[in-house]
């Protein structure tokens, strides 16, 4: 199994006692096969988390597709064609770098169900890392 084959959408939270939480939390698998929990937000409503990987998602008939990814501040402006922002929080900068690299596989041809945007991953899909300035 290749790195691209492991990168995929892994579904919603199964919350039988709290069904209202089902759509709030989503799971994605990175190229390593590691599973990442994300919180789902509408574009423009994402809190300003410092250490976060943001997946910009477009809902399609075949399921959600990651159309862009960013690391650092979670409240960056979303691409105009994104329907949702799925945010994965980390504790340390090293974990942020690993998660960002791992989840980029979703742009490189993973992203099942469906596929990544046509063609190779471009710089417009990866939003530059912009750290918050120390006070």
N, C-alpha and C. Protein backbone atom coordinates (compact mmCIF):
# COMPACT_ATOMS: atom_id res chain seq x y z
N UNK A 1 0.85 -1.18 0.00
CA UNK A 1 0.00 0.00 0.00
C UNK A 1 0.89 1.23 0.00
N UNK A 2 0.63 2.14 -0.92
CA UNK A 2 1.45 3.34 -1.02
C UNK A 2 0.93 4.44 -0.11
N UNK A 3 1.73 5.46 0.02
CA UNK A 3 1.38 6.61 0.85
C UNK A 3 0.06 7.22 0.39
N UNK A 4 -0.13 7.30 -0.92
CA UNK A 4 -1.35 7.90 -1.47
C UNK A 4 -2.56 7.03 -1.17
N UNK A 5 -2.41 5.72 -1.22
CA UNK A 5 -3.53 4.82 -0.96
C UNK A 5 -4.03 4.92 0.47
N UNK A 6 -3.15 5.27 1.40
CA UNK A 6 -3.55 5.36 2.81
C UNK A 6 -4.26 6.67 3.12
N UNK A 7 -4.02 7.72 2.34
CA UNK A 7 -4.61 9.03 2.59
C UNK A 7 -6.07 9.03 2.14
N UNK A 8 -6.98 9.27 3.08
CA UNK A 8 -8.40 9.21 2.73
C UNK A 8 -9.26 9.84 3.81
N UNK A 9 -10.51 10.06 3.45
CA UNK A 9 -11.52 10.50 4.40
C UNK A 9 -11.91 9.29 5.23
N UNK A 10 -11.96 9.43 6.56
CA UNK A 10 -12.22 8.29 7.42
C UNK A 10 -13.56 8.39 8.16
N UNK A 11 -14.42 9.33 7.80
CA UNK A 11 -15.77 9.38 8.34
C UNK A 11 -15.99 10.33 9.50
N UNK A 12 -17.23 10.30 9.98
CA UNK A 12 -17.65 11.14 11.09
C UNK A 12 -17.53 10.40 12.41
N UNK A 13 -17.62 11.15 13.48
CA UNK A 13 -17.63 10.58 14.82
C UNK A 13 -18.90 9.76 15.00
N UNK A 14 -18.77 8.56 15.52
CA UNK A 14 -19.93 7.73 15.85
C UNK A 14 -20.30 8.00 17.30
N UNK A 15 -21.26 8.89 17.51
CA UNK A 15 -21.65 9.31 18.85
C UNK A 15 -23.09 8.88 19.11
N UNK A 16 -23.26 7.66 19.57
CA UNK A 16 -24.61 7.15 19.77
C UNK A 16 -25.34 7.83 20.92
N UNK A 17 -24.63 8.21 21.96
CA UNK A 17 -25.26 8.89 23.10
C UNK A 17 -25.50 10.37 22.82
N UNK A 18 -24.69 10.97 21.95
CA UNK A 18 -24.80 12.39 21.62
C UNK A 18 -24.83 12.57 20.09
N UNK A 19 -25.94 12.23 19.45
CA UNK A 19 -25.99 12.26 17.99
C UNK A 19 -25.75 13.65 17.38
N UNK A 20 -25.96 14.72 18.16
CA UNK A 20 -25.70 16.06 17.64
C UNK A 20 -24.22 16.30 17.37
N UNK A 21 -23.34 15.52 18.00
CA UNK A 21 -21.89 15.67 17.78
C UNK A 21 -21.40 14.96 16.53
N UNK A 22 -22.22 14.11 15.95
CA UNK A 22 -21.79 13.28 14.82
C UNK A 22 -21.18 14.11 13.69
N UNK A 23 -21.84 15.15 13.25
CA UNK A 23 -21.34 15.95 12.14
C UNK A 23 -20.27 16.96 12.52
N UNK A 24 -20.07 17.18 13.79
CA UNK A 24 -19.12 18.18 14.26
C UNK A 24 -17.67 17.73 14.13
N UNK A 25 -17.44 16.43 14.30
CA UNK A 25 -16.08 15.89 14.26
C UNK A 25 -15.93 14.94 13.07
N UNK A 26 -14.85 15.13 12.33
CA UNK A 26 -14.55 14.32 11.15
C UNK A 26 -13.17 13.68 11.35
N UNK A 27 -12.93 12.60 10.64
CA UNK A 27 -11.64 11.92 10.71
C UNK A 27 -11.05 11.79 9.31
N UNK A 28 -9.75 11.99 9.23
CA UNK A 28 -8.99 11.85 7.98
C UNK A 28 -7.77 10.99 8.26
N UNK A 29 -7.34 10.20 7.29
CA UNK A 29 -6.11 9.43 7.40
C UNK A 29 -5.05 10.09 6.54
N UNK A 30 -3.87 10.27 7.10
CA UNK A 30 -2.75 10.85 6.36
C UNK A 30 -2.03 9.78 5.54
N UNK A 31 -0.99 10.19 4.85
CA UNK A 31 -0.22 9.28 4.02
C UNK A 31 0.45 8.17 4.80
N UNK A 32 0.68 8.38 6.10
CA UNK A 32 1.31 7.36 6.94
C UNK A 32 0.29 6.31 7.40
N UNK A 33 -1.00 6.60 7.19
CA UNK A 33 -2.06 5.74 7.69
C UNK A 33 -2.58 6.20 9.04
N UNK A 34 -1.93 7.20 9.63
CA UNK A 34 -2.36 7.73 10.93
C UNK A 34 -3.71 8.43 10.78
N UNK A 35 -4.57 8.28 11.76
CA UNK A 35 -5.90 8.86 11.75
C UNK A 35 -5.89 10.18 12.53
N UNK A 36 -6.46 11.23 11.93
CA UNK A 36 -6.48 12.56 12.53
C UNK A 36 -7.92 12.98 12.81
N UNK A 37 -8.19 13.39 14.04
CA UNK A 37 -9.50 13.93 14.40
C UNK A 37 -9.51 15.42 14.05
N UNK A 38 -10.59 15.86 13.44
CA UNK A 38 -10.73 17.28 13.09
C UNK A 38 -12.08 17.80 13.56
N UNK A 39 -12.13 19.09 13.83
CA UNK A 39 -13.38 19.78 14.11
C UNK A 39 -13.81 20.49 12.85
N UNK A 40 -15.09 20.46 12.55
CA UNK A 40 -15.60 21.04 11.31
C UNK A 40 -16.18 22.43 11.57
N UNK A 41 -15.78 23.39 10.73
CA UNK A 41 -16.26 24.78 10.82
C UNK A 41 -16.67 25.26 9.44
N UNK A 42 -17.49 26.29 9.41
CA UNK A 42 -17.79 26.98 8.17
C UNK A 42 -16.64 27.95 7.90
N UNK A 43 -16.32 28.23 6.63
CA UNK A 43 -15.27 29.22 6.34
C UNK A 43 -15.61 30.56 7.01
N UNK A 44 -14.60 31.18 7.58
CA UNK A 44 -14.78 32.45 8.27
C UNK A 44 -15.22 32.33 9.71
N UNK A 45 -15.49 31.11 10.18
CA UNK A 45 -15.93 30.92 11.57
C UNK A 45 -14.95 30.08 12.38
N UNK A 46 -13.74 29.94 11.88
CA UNK A 46 -12.73 29.13 12.55
C UNK A 46 -12.05 29.93 13.65
N UNK A 47 -11.96 29.38 14.86
CA UNK A 47 -11.23 30.09 15.94
C UNK A 47 -9.76 30.26 15.59
N UNK A 48 -9.10 31.19 16.23
CA UNK A 48 -7.69 31.51 15.96
C UNK A 48 -6.76 30.60 16.74
N UNK A 49 -6.79 29.30 16.46
CA UNK A 49 -5.86 28.38 17.11
C UNK A 49 -4.46 28.63 16.57
N UNK A 50 -3.44 28.55 17.46
CA UNK A 50 -2.05 28.78 17.04
C UNK A 50 -1.44 27.60 16.31
N UNK A 51 -1.62 26.40 16.83
CA UNK A 51 -0.98 25.21 16.25
C UNK A 51 -2.05 24.30 15.68
N UNK A 52 -2.35 24.50 14.41
CA UNK A 52 -3.42 23.75 13.79
C UNK A 52 -3.09 23.47 12.33
N UNK A 53 -3.59 22.35 11.85
CA UNK A 53 -3.57 22.05 10.42
C UNK A 53 -5.01 22.21 9.96
N UNK A 54 -5.21 23.05 8.96
CA UNK A 54 -6.54 23.29 8.42
C UNK A 54 -6.68 22.62 7.07
N UNK A 55 -7.71 21.80 6.93
CA UNK A 55 -8.04 21.16 5.66
C UNK A 55 -9.24 21.90 5.09
N UNK A 56 -9.08 22.46 3.91
CA UNK A 56 -10.18 23.17 3.26
C UNK A 56 -10.91 22.16 2.38
N UNK A 57 -12.18 21.95 2.69
CA UNK A 57 -12.94 20.83 2.14
C UNK A 57 -14.08 21.32 1.26
N UNK A 58 -14.25 20.63 0.15
CA UNK A 58 -15.39 20.85 -0.74
C UNK A 58 -16.27 19.62 -0.66
N UNK A 59 -17.55 19.80 -0.39
CA UNK A 59 -18.50 18.68 -0.37
C UNK A 59 -18.92 18.37 -1.80
N UNK A 60 -18.85 17.10 -2.18
CA UNK A 60 -19.25 16.66 -3.52
C UNK A 60 -20.23 15.51 -3.39
N UNK A 61 -20.78 15.08 -4.50
CA UNK A 61 -21.71 13.94 -4.50
C UNK A 61 -21.03 12.67 -4.01
N UNK A 62 -19.74 12.54 -4.28
CA UNK A 62 -19.01 11.33 -3.88
C UNK A 62 -18.41 11.42 -2.48
N UNK A 63 -18.56 12.56 -1.83
CA UNK A 63 -18.04 12.73 -0.49
C UNK A 63 -17.15 13.95 -0.40
N UNK A 64 -16.61 14.22 0.79
CA UNK A 64 -15.76 15.40 0.98
C UNK A 64 -14.40 15.24 0.30
N UNK A 65 -13.89 16.35 -0.25
CA UNK A 65 -12.56 16.35 -0.88
C UNK A 65 -11.76 17.53 -0.34
N UNK A 66 -10.51 17.27 0.01
CA UNK A 66 -9.62 18.33 0.46
C UNK A 66 -9.12 19.06 -0.78
N UNK A 67 -9.32 20.38 -0.81
CA UNK A 67 -8.88 21.16 -1.97
C UNK A 67 -7.68 22.04 -1.64
N UNK A 68 -7.39 22.23 -0.34
CA UNK A 68 -6.22 23.00 0.08
C UNK A 68 -5.92 22.65 1.53
N UNK A 69 -4.69 22.97 1.95
CA UNK A 69 -4.25 22.68 3.32
C UNK A 69 -3.38 23.82 3.81
N UNK A 70 -3.46 24.11 5.10
CA UNK A 70 -2.63 25.15 5.71
C UNK A 70 -2.19 24.68 7.09
N UNK A 71 -1.07 25.22 7.56
CA UNK A 71 -0.58 24.93 8.91
C UNK A 71 -0.29 26.24 9.60
N UNK A 72 -0.45 26.24 10.91
CA UNK A 72 -0.21 27.45 11.69
C UNK A 72 -1.51 27.97 12.23
N UNK A 73 -1.83 29.20 11.95
CA UNK A 73 -3.08 29.80 12.42
C UNK A 73 -4.27 29.17 11.71
N UNK A 74 -5.29 28.82 12.46
CA UNK A 74 -6.46 28.18 11.88
C UNK A 74 -7.45 29.18 11.31
N UNK A 75 -7.28 30.46 11.59
CA UNK A 75 -8.29 31.43 11.14
C UNK A 75 -7.91 32.16 9.85
N UNK A 76 -7.05 31.54 9.03
CA UNK A 76 -6.71 32.13 7.75
C UNK A 76 -7.92 32.11 6.82
N UNK A 77 -7.93 32.97 5.85
CA UNK A 77 -9.03 33.00 4.88
C UNK A 77 -9.03 31.70 4.07
N UNK A 78 -10.21 31.13 3.92
CA UNK A 78 -10.36 29.88 3.17
C UNK A 78 -10.44 30.17 1.68
N UNK A 79 -10.00 29.22 0.84
CA UNK A 79 -10.21 29.39 -0.60
C UNK A 79 -11.71 29.57 -0.88
N UNK A 80 -12.03 30.31 -1.91
CA UNK A 80 -13.43 30.66 -2.18
C UNK A 80 -14.30 29.44 -2.47
N UNK A 81 -13.74 28.36 -2.99
CA UNK A 81 -14.56 27.18 -3.31
C UNK A 81 -14.65 26.17 -2.17
N UNK A 82 -14.12 26.50 -0.99
CA UNK A 82 -14.21 25.60 0.17
C UNK A 82 -15.57 25.74 0.84
N UNK A 83 -16.20 24.61 1.14
CA UNK A 83 -17.48 24.59 1.85
C UNK A 83 -17.30 24.51 3.35
N UNK A 84 -16.18 23.90 3.79
CA UNK A 84 -15.92 23.68 5.21
C UNK A 84 -14.43 23.78 5.47
N UNK A 85 -14.09 23.98 6.74
CA UNK A 85 -12.70 23.93 7.19
C UNK A 85 -12.64 22.88 8.29
N UNK A 86 -11.80 21.86 8.10
CA UNK A 86 -11.62 20.82 9.11
C UNK A 86 -10.29 21.09 9.79
N UNK A 87 -10.31 21.30 11.11
CA UNK A 87 -9.13 21.75 11.85
C UNK A 87 -8.65 20.65 12.79
N UNK A 88 -7.36 20.29 12.65
CA UNK A 88 -6.70 19.34 13.55
C UNK A 88 -5.73 20.13 14.42
N UNK A 89 -5.89 20.03 15.75
CA UNK A 89 -5.05 20.75 16.69
C UNK A 89 -3.89 19.88 17.18
N UNK A 90 -2.74 20.51 17.40
CA UNK A 90 -1.57 19.82 17.93
C UNK A 90 -1.01 20.62 19.11
N UNK A 91 -0.12 19.98 19.89
CA UNK A 91 0.46 20.64 21.05
C UNK A 91 1.81 21.30 20.76
N UNK A 92 2.60 20.70 19.86
CA UNK A 92 3.97 21.17 19.63
C UNK A 92 4.20 21.44 18.16
N UNK A 93 5.16 22.31 17.88
CA UNK A 93 5.48 22.67 16.50
C UNK A 93 5.96 21.46 15.70
N UNK A 94 6.66 20.51 16.36
CA UNK A 94 7.12 19.30 15.66
C UNK A 94 5.93 18.47 15.19
N UNK A 95 4.91 18.39 16.03
CA UNK A 95 3.71 17.65 15.65
C UNK A 95 2.97 18.36 14.52
N UNK A 96 3.02 19.67 14.52
CA UNK A 96 2.40 20.44 13.45
C UNK A 96 3.07 20.14 12.12
N UNK A 97 4.40 20.14 12.10
CA UNK A 97 5.13 19.85 10.86
C UNK A 97 4.83 18.44 10.36
N UNK A 98 4.81 17.46 11.26
CA UNK A 98 4.53 16.08 10.85
C UNK A 98 3.12 15.95 10.30
N UNK A 99 2.13 16.49 11.01
CA UNK A 99 0.74 16.38 10.57
C UNK A 99 0.53 17.07 9.23
N UNK A 100 1.15 18.21 9.05
CA UNK A 100 1.02 18.94 7.78
C UNK A 100 1.58 18.12 6.62
N UNK A 101 2.78 17.56 6.80
CA UNK A 101 3.37 16.71 5.75
C UNK A 101 2.51 15.48 5.48
N UNK A 102 2.06 14.85 6.55
CA UNK A 102 1.28 13.62 6.43
C UNK A 102 -0.06 13.87 5.73
N UNK A 103 -0.75 14.92 6.10
CA UNK A 103 -2.06 15.22 5.52
C UNK A 103 -1.99 15.80 4.12
N UNK A 104 -0.82 16.29 3.71
CA UNK A 104 -0.66 16.76 2.33
C UNK A 104 -0.88 15.65 1.33
N UNK A 105 -0.75 14.40 1.74
CA UNK A 105 -1.02 13.27 0.84
C UNK A 105 -2.46 13.29 0.33
N UNK A 106 -3.35 13.94 1.06
CA UNK A 106 -4.74 14.07 0.60
C UNK A 106 -4.83 14.88 -0.68
N UNK A 107 -3.88 15.78 -0.90
CA UNK A 107 -3.85 16.57 -2.12
C UNK A 107 -3.12 15.85 -3.25
N UNK A 108 -2.26 14.93 -2.90
CA UNK A 108 -1.39 14.28 -3.88
C UNK A 108 -2.03 13.09 -4.56
N UNK A 109 -3.31 12.86 -4.34
CA UNK A 109 -3.97 11.76 -5.02
C UNK A 109 -4.76 10.87 -4.09
N UNK A 110 -4.72 11.14 -2.80
CA UNK A 110 -5.55 10.40 -1.86
C UNK A 110 -6.95 10.95 -1.96
N UNK A 111 -7.55 11.27 -0.87
CA UNK A 111 -8.82 11.97 -0.87
C UNK A 111 -10.01 11.08 -1.20
N UNK A 112 -9.95 9.80 -1.00
CA UNK A 112 -11.11 8.98 -1.30
C UNK A 112 -12.15 9.14 -0.21
N UNK A 113 -13.46 9.13 -0.45
CA UNK A 113 -14.03 8.95 -1.77
C UNK A 113 -13.80 10.16 -2.65
N UNK A 114 -13.86 9.98 -3.92
CA UNK A 114 -13.52 11.02 -4.87
C UNK A 114 -12.02 11.06 -5.06
N UNK A 115 -11.54 12.09 -5.69
CA UNK A 115 -10.11 12.24 -5.94
C UNK A 115 -9.70 13.67 -5.65
N UNK A 116 -8.40 13.87 -5.59
CA UNK A 116 -7.88 15.22 -5.40
C UNK A 116 -8.19 16.04 -6.65
N UNK A 117 -8.03 17.34 -6.59
CA UNK A 117 -8.25 18.15 -7.78
C UNK A 117 -7.40 17.65 -8.94
N UNK A 118 -7.90 17.81 -10.14
CA UNK A 118 -7.20 17.32 -11.33
C UNK A 118 -5.80 17.88 -11.42
N UNK A 119 -4.87 17.07 -11.91
CA UNK A 119 -3.50 17.51 -12.08
C UNK A 119 -2.69 17.33 -10.81
N UNK A 120 -1.45 17.76 -10.86
CA UNK A 120 -0.56 17.63 -9.72
C UNK A 120 -0.88 18.70 -8.67
N UNK A 121 -0.41 18.44 -7.46
CA UNK A 121 -0.58 19.41 -6.38
C UNK A 121 0.18 20.68 -6.76
N UNK A 122 -0.44 21.82 -6.57
CA UNK A 122 0.20 23.08 -6.91
C UNK A 122 0.40 23.90 -5.65
N UNK A 123 1.17 24.94 -5.78
CA UNK A 123 1.42 25.78 -4.61
C UNK A 123 0.15 26.47 -4.13
N UNK A 124 -0.86 26.60 -4.97
CA UNK A 124 -2.10 27.24 -4.53
C UNK A 124 -2.90 26.33 -3.61
N UNK A 125 -2.60 25.02 -3.61
CA UNK A 125 -3.29 24.10 -2.71
C UNK A 125 -2.69 24.11 -1.31
N UNK A 126 -1.43 24.48 -1.20
CA UNK A 126 -0.74 24.51 0.09
C UNK A 126 -0.56 25.96 0.48
N UNK A 127 -1.29 26.37 1.48
CA UNK A 127 -1.25 27.76 1.93
C UNK A 127 -0.03 27.92 2.82
N UNK A 128 0.79 28.97 2.61
CA UNK A 128 2.03 29.13 3.36
C UNK A 128 1.80 29.19 4.87
N UNK A 129 2.76 28.66 5.61
CA UNK A 129 2.73 28.69 7.07
C UNK A 129 2.97 30.11 7.54
N UNK A 130 2.04 30.67 8.32
CA UNK A 130 2.17 32.02 8.85
C UNK A 130 2.05 31.94 10.37
N UNK A 131 3.17 31.91 11.09
CA UNK A 131 3.09 31.80 12.55
C UNK A 131 2.60 33.09 13.18
N UNK A 132 1.97 32.95 14.32
CA UNK A 132 1.51 34.11 15.08
C UNK A 132 2.75 34.76 15.70
N UNK A 133 2.82 36.06 15.68
CA UNK A 133 3.97 36.78 16.24
C UNK A 133 3.88 36.81 17.75
N UNK A 134 5.01 36.62 18.40
CA UNK A 134 5.05 36.66 19.88
C UNK A 134 4.76 38.06 20.37
N UNK A 135 4.06 38.14 21.47
CA UNK A 135 3.69 39.46 22.02
C UNK A 135 4.83 40.05 22.80
